[in-house]
C-alpha atoms as a PDB file:
ATOM      1  CA  MET A   1     113.758  93.433 100.655  1.00  0.00           C
ATOM      2  CA  ASP A   2     111.435  93.879 103.748  1.00  0.00           C
ATOM      3  CA  ARG A   3     108.334  96.315 102.707  1.00  0.00           C
ATOM      4  CA  SER A   4     107.322  96.743 106.467  1.00  0.00           C
ATOM      5  CA  ARG A   5     110.732  97.233 107.400  1.00  0.00           C
ATOM      6  CA  LEU A   6     111.226  99.901 104.986  1.00  0.00           C
ATOM      7  CA  GLU A   7     108.187 101.712 105.911  1.00  0.00           C
ATOM      8  CA  THR A   8     109.161 101.654 109.365  1.00  0.00           C
ATOM      9  CA  ARG A   9     112.611 102.943 108.308  1.00  0.00           C
ATOM     10  CA  LEU A  10     111.194 106.032 106.107  1.00  0.00           C
ATOM     11  CA  VAL A  11     108.822 107.202 109.196  1.00  0.00           C
ATOM     12  CA  GLU A  12     112.007 107.422 111.794  1.00  0.00           C
ATOM     13  CA  ARG A  13     114.648 108.378 108.846  1.00  0.00           C
ATOM     14  CA  PHE A  14     112.444 111.033 107.313  1.00  0.00           C
ATOM     15  CA  ASP A  15     109.728 111.929 109.885  1.00  0.00           C
ATOM     16  CA  ALA A  16     107.424 110.696 107.179  1.00  0.00           C
ATOM     17  CA  ASP A  17     103.623 110.062 107.336  1.00  0.00           C
ATOM     18  CA  PRO A  18     103.054 106.841 107.646  1.00  0.00           C
ATOM     19  CA  ALA A  19     100.330 106.597 104.505  1.00  0.00           C
ATOM     20  CA  VAL A  20     103.166 108.281 102.489  1.00  0.00           C
ATOM     21  CA  ALA A  21     105.768 105.616 103.683  1.00  0.00           C
ATOM     22  CA  HIS A  22     103.747 103.041 102.589  1.00  0.00           C
ATOM     23  CA  VAL A  23     103.102 104.204  98.889  1.00  0.00           C
ATOM     24  CA  VAL A  24     107.184 104.746  98.655  1.00  0.00           C
ATOM     25  CA  ALA A  25     107.755 101.267 100.046  1.00  0.00           C
ATOM     26  CA  ARG A  26     105.367  99.785  97.704  1.00  0.00           C
ATOM     27  CA  ALA A  27     107.127 101.558  94.743  1.00  0.00           C
ATOM     28  CA  ALA A  28     110.451 100.384  96.294  1.00  0.00           C
ATOM     29  CA  GLY A  29     108.836  96.602  96.113  1.00  0.00           C
ATOM     30  CA  ASP A  30     107.844  97.059  92.894  1.00  0.00           C
ATOM     31  CA  LEU A  31     111.517  98.287  91.658  1.00  0.00           C
ATOM     32  CA  VAL A  32     112.777  95.102  93.255  1.00  0.00           C
ATOM     33  CA  ASP A  33     109.924  92.976  91.744  1.00  0.00           C
ATOM     34  CA  SER A  34     111.299  94.535  88.103  1.00  0.00           C
ATOM     35  CA  GLY A  35     115.119  93.329  88.746  1.00  0.00           C
ATOM     36  CA  SER A  36     115.679  96.432  86.923  1.00  0.00           C
ATOM     37  CA  TYR A  37     118.096  97.885  89.847  1.00  0.00           C
ATOM     38  CA  PRO A  38     120.233  95.221  89.963  1.00  0.00           C
ATOM     39  CA  THR A  39     120.890  94.720  86.484  1.00  0.00           C
ATOM     40  CA  ASP A  40     121.655  98.549  86.026  1.00  0.00           C
ATOM     41  CA  VAL A  41     123.497  99.163  89.043  1.00  0.00           C
ATOM     42  CA  ASP A  42     125.037  95.948  89.927  1.00  0.00           C
ATOM     43  CA  ALA A  43     123.861  96.046  93.346  1.00  0.00           C
ATOM     44  CA  SER A  44     121.159  94.587  95.610  1.00  0.00           C
ATOM     45  CA  LEU A  45     118.136  96.961  96.391  1.00  0.00           C
ATOM     46  CA  THR A  46     118.222  96.777 100.184  1.00  0.00           C
ATOM     47  CA  VAL A  47     116.203  99.217 102.801  1.00  0.00           C
ATOM     48  CA  GLU A  48     119.646 100.455 103.626  1.00  0.00           C
ATOM     49  CA  VAL A  49     120.226 101.363 100.149  1.00  0.00           C
ATOM     50  CA  VAL A  50     116.858 103.227  99.563  1.00  0.00           C
ATOM     51  CA  ILE A  51     117.557 104.891 103.086  1.00  0.00           C
ATOM     52  CA  ALA A  52     120.823 106.264 102.019  1.00  0.00           C
ATOM     53  CA  ASN A  53     119.712 107.268  98.376  1.00  0.00           C
ATOM     54  CA  LEU A  54     116.892 108.983  99.703  1.00  0.00           C
ATOM     55  CA  ALA A  55     119.120 110.903 102.309  1.00  0.00           C
ATOM     56  CA  ASP A  56     120.902 112.382  99.169  1.00  0.00           C
ATOM     57  CA  ALA A  57     117.853 114.404  98.325  1.00  0.00           C
ATOM     58  CA  PRO A  58     117.899 117.977  98.489  1.00  0.00           C
ATOM     59  CA  ASP A  59     117.307 119.334 102.083  1.00  0.00           C
ATOM     60  CA  GLY A  60     113.585 119.976 102.905  1.00  0.00           C
ATOM     61  CA  THR A  61     112.198 117.687 100.255  1.00  0.00           C
ATOM     62  CA  ASP A  62     109.533 115.400 101.493  1.00  0.00           C
ATOM     63  CA  LEU A  63     109.443 111.566 101.215  1.00  0.00           C
ATOM     64  CA  ALA A  64     107.799 111.253  98.051  1.00  0.00           C
ATOM     65  CA  GLY A  65     109.858 114.080  96.463  1.00  0.00           C
ATOM     66  CA  ARG A  66     112.996 112.418  97.671  1.00  0.00           C
ATOM     67  CA  TRP A  67     111.914 108.977  96.080  1.00  0.00           C
ATOM     68  CA  ASN A  68     110.770 110.646  93.089  1.00  0.00           C
ATOM     69  CA  TRP A  69     114.165 112.503  92.927  1.00  0.00           C
ATOM     70  CA  TRP A  70     116.318 109.385  93.357  1.00  0.00           C
ATOM     71  CA  MET A  71     113.582 107.767  90.388  1.00  0.00           C
ATOM     72  CA  GLY A  72     114.847 110.956  88.241  1.00  0.00           C
ATOM     73  CA  ALA A  73     118.410 110.272  88.891  1.00  0.00           C
ATOM     74  CA  LEU A  74     118.102 106.803  87.964  1.00  0.00           C
ATOM     75  CA  GLU A  75     115.917 107.717  84.880  1.00  0.00           C
ATOM     76  CA  LEU A  76     118.694 109.848  83.711  1.00  0.00           C
ATOM     77  CA  SER A  77     121.675 107.650  83.988  1.00  0.00           C
ATOM     78  CA  HIS A  78     119.672 104.127  82.973  1.00  0.00           C
ATOM     79  CA  GLY A  79     116.221 105.199  81.419  1.00  0.00           C
ATOM     80  CA  GLY A  80     113.180 102.888  82.747  1.00  0.00           C
ATOM     81  CA  TYR A  81     112.676 104.662  85.983  1.00  0.00           C
ATOM     82  CA  ASP A  82     109.778 106.940  85.531  1.00  0.00           C
ATOM     83  CA  ARG A  83     107.400 104.226  86.136  1.00  0.00           C
ATOM     84  CA  PHE A  84     108.254 103.723  89.484  1.00  0.00           C
ATOM     85  CA  CYS A  85     107.816 107.546  90.374  1.00  0.00           C
ATOM     86  CA  VAL A  86     104.909 108.478  93.047  1.00  0.00           C
ATOM     87  CA  ARG A  87     102.367 110.240  91.803  1.00  0.00           C
ATOM     88  CA  PRO A  88     101.100 113.174  94.046  1.00  0.00           C
ATOM     89  CA  ASP A  89      97.670 111.773  93.702  1.00  0.00           C
ATOM     90  CA  ALA A  90      98.673 108.274  95.397  1.00  0.00           C
ATOM     91  CA  VAL A  91      99.703 109.681  98.351  1.00  0.00           C
END
């Protein structure tokens, strides 16, 4: 997954602060590197997959909240995703 492209798309799609988009893209990259997502979901983690899943978060949720909402859903369904959440003090 192209982290730079993801950062750009996050800013465009969610009108996100570039610094927050950078942190979320880094977390997404860590998720890719872990290999957890394709093993659990049987699909590749792409920029489009990230954007689509974050778009499903409740309206009015900021980018970090959207990411954490998705990681929470994956945690509930598969376990092991808490480690990819974005800490508020990291953004």
